[in-house]
N, C-alpha and C. Protein backbone atom coordinates (compact mmCIF):
# COMPACT_ATOMS: atom_id res chain seq x y z
N MET A 1 -9.40 132.16 -30.68
CA MET A 1 -9.45 131.25 -31.53
C MET A 1 -8.15 131.53 -32.50
N SER A 2 -7.73 130.21 -32.98
CA SER A 2 -6.64 130.38 -33.82
C SER A 2 -7.08 130.18 -35.54
N THR A 3 -6.06 130.74 -36.29
CA THR A 3 -6.36 130.85 -37.56
C THR A 3 -5.06 130.06 -38.29
N LEU A 4 -5.29 129.21 -39.25
CA LEU A 4 -4.21 128.55 -40.14
C LEU A 4 -4.59 129.22 -41.53
N SER A 5 -3.76 130.02 -41.99
CA SER A 5 -3.76 130.72 -43.21
C SER A 5 -2.85 130.23 -44.42
N PHE A 6 -3.34 130.06 -45.54
CA PHE A 6 -2.50 129.77 -46.61
C PHE A 6 -2.51 130.81 -47.49
N ARG A 7 -1.53 131.52 -47.78
CA ARG A 7 -1.34 132.63 -48.59
C ARG A 7 -0.52 132.45 -49.85
N ASN A 8 -1.34 132.15 -50.95
CA ASN A 8 -0.77 132.02 -52.34
C ASN A 8 0.19 131.03 -52.30
N VAL A 9 -0.19 129.57 -51.79
CA VAL A 9 0.69 128.58 -51.79
C VAL A 9 0.80 127.81 -53.01
N TRP A 10 2.09 127.44 -53.26
CA TRP A 10 2.39 126.63 -54.34
C TRP A 10 3.39 125.55 -53.75
N VAL A 11 3.15 124.35 -54.49
CA VAL A 11 4.23 123.23 -54.15
C VAL A 11 4.59 122.89 -55.50
N GLU A 12 5.94 122.73 -55.81
CA GLU A 12 6.43 122.15 -56.95
C GLU A 12 7.62 121.28 -56.72
N TYR A 13 7.56 120.21 -57.59
CA TYR A 13 8.46 119.17 -57.51
C TYR A 13 9.27 119.38 -58.72
N GLY A 14 10.35 119.77 -59.03
CA GLY A 14 11.13 120.04 -60.26
C GLY A 14 10.12 120.99 -61.11
N ASN A 15 9.74 120.53 -62.21
CA ASN A 15 8.96 120.98 -63.16
C ASN A 15 7.38 120.70 -63.04
N GLN A 16 7.09 119.95 -62.22
CA GLN A 16 5.67 119.42 -61.69
C GLN A 16 5.12 120.22 -60.60
N VAL A 17 3.98 120.96 -60.88
CA VAL A 17 3.20 121.76 -60.21
C VAL A 17 2.29 120.88 -59.46
N VAL A 18 2.33 120.86 -58.24
CA VAL A 18 1.41 119.90 -57.35
C VAL A 18 0.23 120.71 -56.88
N LEU A 19 0.42 121.73 -56.37
CA LEU A 19 -0.50 122.80 -55.84
C LEU A 19 -0.22 124.12 -56.21
N GLU A 20 -1.06 124.82 -56.51
CA GLU A 20 -1.01 126.38 -56.94
C GLU A 20 -2.11 127.32 -56.52
N ARG A 21 -1.74 128.58 -56.21
CA ARG A 21 -2.46 129.61 -55.60
C ARG A 21 -3.61 129.23 -54.63
N ILE A 22 -3.16 128.52 -53.66
CA ILE A 22 -3.84 128.16 -52.62
C ILE A 22 -4.02 129.31 -51.59
N ASN A 23 -5.23 129.81 -51.59
CA ASN A 23 -5.64 130.93 -50.51
C ASN A 23 -6.77 130.42 -49.70
N LEU A 24 -6.41 130.22 -48.32
CA LEU A 24 -7.48 129.42 -47.52
C LEU A 24 -7.02 129.84 -46.10
N GLU A 25 -8.31 130.09 -45.46
CA GLU A 25 -7.97 130.61 -43.84
C GLU A 25 -8.95 129.36 -43.27
N ILE A 26 -8.44 128.66 -42.35
CA ILE A 26 -9.21 127.72 -41.34
C ILE A 26 -8.98 128.21 -39.98
N THR A 27 -10.31 128.35 -39.36
CA THR A 27 -10.36 128.72 -38.04
C THR A 27 -10.43 127.59 -36.83
N SER A 28 -10.23 127.85 -35.70
CA SER A 28 -10.24 126.85 -34.89
C SER A 28 -11.83 126.22 -34.76
N GLY A 29 -12.13 124.99 -34.74
CA GLY A 29 -13.48 124.57 -34.62
C GLY A 29 -14.02 124.16 -36.19
N THR A 30 -13.26 124.36 -37.09
CA THR A 30 -13.58 123.99 -38.48
C THR A 30 -13.48 122.81 -38.82
N PHE A 31 -14.42 122.06 -39.43
CA PHE A 31 -14.40 120.80 -39.86
C PHE A 31 -14.14 120.97 -41.26
N LEU A 32 -12.86 120.24 -41.77
CA LEU A 32 -12.52 120.63 -43.02
C LEU A 32 -12.27 119.19 -43.82
N SER A 33 -13.02 118.91 -44.99
CA SER A 33 -12.64 117.74 -45.71
C SER A 33 -12.03 118.00 -47.12
N ILE A 34 -10.91 117.11 -47.34
CA ILE A 34 -10.20 117.33 -48.48
C ILE A 34 -10.39 116.23 -49.25
N VAL A 35 -11.38 116.59 -50.56
CA VAL A 35 -11.59 115.56 -51.66
C VAL A 35 -11.04 115.78 -52.83
N GLY A 36 -10.91 114.96 -53.68
CA GLY A 36 -10.38 114.95 -55.25
C GLY A 36 -9.82 113.76 -55.53
N PRO A 37 -9.65 113.75 -56.93
CA PRO A 37 -9.17 112.45 -57.62
C PRO A 37 -7.77 112.32 -57.21
N SER A 38 -7.21 111.05 -57.36
CA SER A 38 -5.76 110.68 -57.17
C SER A 38 -4.78 111.49 -57.89
N GLY A 39 -3.85 112.06 -57.28
CA GLY A 39 -2.97 112.98 -57.87
C GLY A 39 -3.35 114.24 -57.94
N ALA A 40 -4.42 114.78 -57.12
CA ALA A 40 -4.80 116.05 -57.00
C ALA A 40 -4.06 116.93 -56.01
N GLY A 41 -3.08 116.30 -55.34
CA GLY A 41 -2.47 117.18 -54.15
C GLY A 41 -2.97 117.03 -52.84
N LYS A 42 -3.95 116.09 -52.52
CA LYS A 42 -4.47 116.15 -51.26
C LYS A 42 -3.45 115.70 -50.09
N SER A 43 -2.81 114.97 -50.36
CA SER A 43 -1.56 114.29 -49.47
C SER A 43 -0.72 115.42 -49.33
N THR A 44 -0.49 116.08 -50.34
CA THR A 44 0.68 117.23 -50.23
C THR A 44 0.08 118.09 -49.28
N PHE A 45 -1.12 118.57 -49.49
CA PHE A 45 -1.87 119.52 -48.75
C PHE A 45 -1.60 119.31 -47.23
N LEU A 46 -2.17 118.03 -46.93
CA LEU A 46 -2.00 117.74 -45.54
C LEU A 46 -0.62 117.69 -44.93
N ARG A 47 0.34 117.31 -45.64
CA ARG A 47 1.62 117.35 -45.21
C ARG A 47 2.18 118.72 -45.13
N LEU A 48 1.45 119.67 -45.68
CA LEU A 48 1.76 121.14 -45.42
C LEU A 48 1.06 121.62 -43.86
N ILE A 49 -0.14 120.99 -43.82
CA ILE A 49 -0.90 121.30 -42.50
C ILE A 49 -0.01 120.75 -41.30
N LEU A 50 0.44 119.44 -41.50
CA LEU A 50 1.38 118.87 -40.34
C LEU A 50 2.79 119.53 -40.18
N GLY A 51 3.09 120.22 -41.09
CA GLY A 51 4.38 120.85 -41.18
C GLY A 51 5.68 120.00 -41.79
N GLN A 52 5.22 118.98 -42.41
CA GLN A 52 6.30 117.98 -43.02
C GLN A 52 6.73 118.38 -44.35
N GLU A 53 5.82 119.28 -44.85
CA GLU A 53 6.24 119.87 -46.32
C GLU A 53 6.30 121.46 -45.93
N LYS A 54 7.13 121.98 -46.96
CA LYS A 54 7.23 123.43 -47.03
C LYS A 54 6.66 124.02 -48.41
N PRO A 55 5.92 124.80 -48.52
CA PRO A 55 5.74 125.48 -49.74
C PRO A 55 6.86 125.90 -50.83
N SER A 56 6.79 125.88 -51.86
CA SER A 56 7.64 126.31 -52.77
C SER A 56 7.53 127.81 -52.96
N GLN A 57 6.32 128.19 -52.85
CA GLN A 57 6.05 129.71 -52.99
C GLN A 57 4.96 130.07 -51.99
N GLY A 58 4.84 131.32 -51.50
CA GLY A 58 3.76 131.63 -50.64
C GLY A 58 3.97 131.37 -49.23
N ALA A 59 3.03 131.37 -48.40
CA ALA A 59 3.35 131.37 -46.86
C ALA A 59 2.02 130.41 -46.30
N VAL A 60 2.41 129.57 -45.08
CA VAL A 60 1.59 129.02 -44.25
C VAL A 60 1.69 129.69 -43.07
N LEU A 61 0.68 130.41 -42.40
CA LEU A 61 0.73 130.96 -41.20
C LEU A 61 -0.25 130.60 -39.97
N LEU A 62 0.17 130.52 -38.87
CA LEU A 62 -0.67 130.21 -37.78
C LEU A 62 -0.69 131.52 -36.80
N ASP A 63 -1.99 132.03 -36.82
CA ASP A 63 -2.38 133.32 -35.93
C ASP A 63 -1.40 134.40 -36.70
N GLY A 64 -1.02 134.55 -37.84
CA GLY A 64 -0.25 135.43 -38.56
C GLY A 64 1.21 135.37 -38.40
N GLN A 65 1.81 134.21 -37.68
CA GLN A 65 3.26 133.93 -37.45
C GLN A 65 3.59 132.60 -38.66
N PRO A 66 4.90 132.62 -38.90
CA PRO A 66 5.22 131.44 -39.73
C PRO A 66 4.84 130.29 -39.04
N PHE A 67 4.25 129.33 -39.72
CA PHE A 67 3.81 127.85 -39.28
C PHE A 67 4.97 127.17 -38.72
N PRO A 68 4.83 126.57 -37.37
CA PRO A 68 6.08 125.67 -36.81
C PRO A 68 6.19 124.76 -37.63
N ALA A 69 7.46 124.41 -37.91
CA ALA A 69 7.89 123.30 -38.75
C ALA A 69 7.75 121.85 -38.12
N GLU A 70 7.67 121.70 -36.77
CA GLU A 70 7.50 120.38 -36.30
C GLU A 70 6.11 120.40 -35.38
N PRO A 71 5.22 119.46 -35.63
CA PRO A 71 4.12 119.30 -34.83
C PRO A 71 4.08 119.31 -33.49
N GLY A 72 3.29 119.88 -32.79
CA GLY A 72 3.37 119.74 -31.35
C GLY A 72 2.39 118.47 -30.93
N PRO A 73 2.07 118.41 -29.67
CA PRO A 73 0.93 117.54 -29.24
C PRO A 73 -0.45 118.23 -29.45
N ASP A 74 -0.58 119.30 -29.72
CA ASP A 74 -1.88 120.08 -29.83
C ASP A 74 -2.14 119.90 -31.50
N ARG A 75 -1.43 119.20 -32.23
CA ARG A 75 -1.76 119.21 -33.80
C ARG A 75 -1.95 117.66 -34.03
N GLY A 76 -3.05 117.23 -34.66
CA GLY A 76 -3.22 115.99 -35.10
C GLY A 76 -3.99 115.91 -36.42
N ILE A 77 -3.76 114.62 -37.14
CA ILE A 77 -4.69 114.44 -38.28
C ILE A 77 -4.86 113.01 -38.25
N VAL A 78 -6.02 112.46 -38.81
CA VAL A 78 -6.25 111.11 -39.05
C VAL A 78 -6.11 110.80 -40.57
N PHE A 79 -5.30 109.98 -41.13
CA PHE A 79 -5.14 109.68 -42.33
C PHE A 79 -6.01 108.47 -42.79
N GLN A 80 -6.52 108.57 -43.87
CA GLN A 80 -7.30 107.28 -44.63
C GLN A 80 -6.21 106.25 -44.91
N ARG A 81 -4.98 106.61 -45.46
CA ARG A 81 -3.96 105.56 -45.80
C ARG A 81 -2.79 105.97 -45.13
N TYR A 82 -1.95 104.87 -44.98
CA TYR A 82 -0.85 105.03 -44.03
C TYR A 82 0.49 105.60 -45.29
N SER A 83 0.04 105.55 -46.45
CA SER A 83 1.19 106.00 -47.63
C SER A 83 1.76 107.37 -47.37
N VAL A 84 1.03 108.19 -46.58
CA VAL A 84 1.50 109.20 -46.24
C VAL A 84 2.75 109.48 -45.35
N PHE A 85 2.87 108.21 -44.49
CA PHE A 85 3.81 108.07 -43.50
C PHE A 85 4.77 106.90 -44.18
N PRO A 86 5.82 107.26 -45.05
CA PRO A 86 6.83 106.30 -45.66
C PRO A 86 7.32 105.40 -44.57
N HIS A 87 7.51 105.73 -43.49
CA HIS A 87 8.23 105.00 -42.48
C HIS A 87 7.24 103.49 -41.88
N LEU A 88 5.88 103.69 -42.27
CA LEU A 88 4.96 102.75 -41.76
C LEU A 88 4.78 101.71 -42.66
């Protein structure tokens, strides 16, 4: 079983803190829903999972190893909005 770990992850853009102190373990077969108001950091978190975004602080690990920067064919996400893909 694979585990995706977020260890004290922060994402900041300049002085704006988007995500802070994210500590989470997601194991294979887990169904995860991310909900929250507009601007809460949901899309940023999804971009971290895809490898499109890197944390400003902390670590994203897959089975204890640094998370690969580029998604492979075994990684997929279904987005509600295309806005997370600026090229679409």
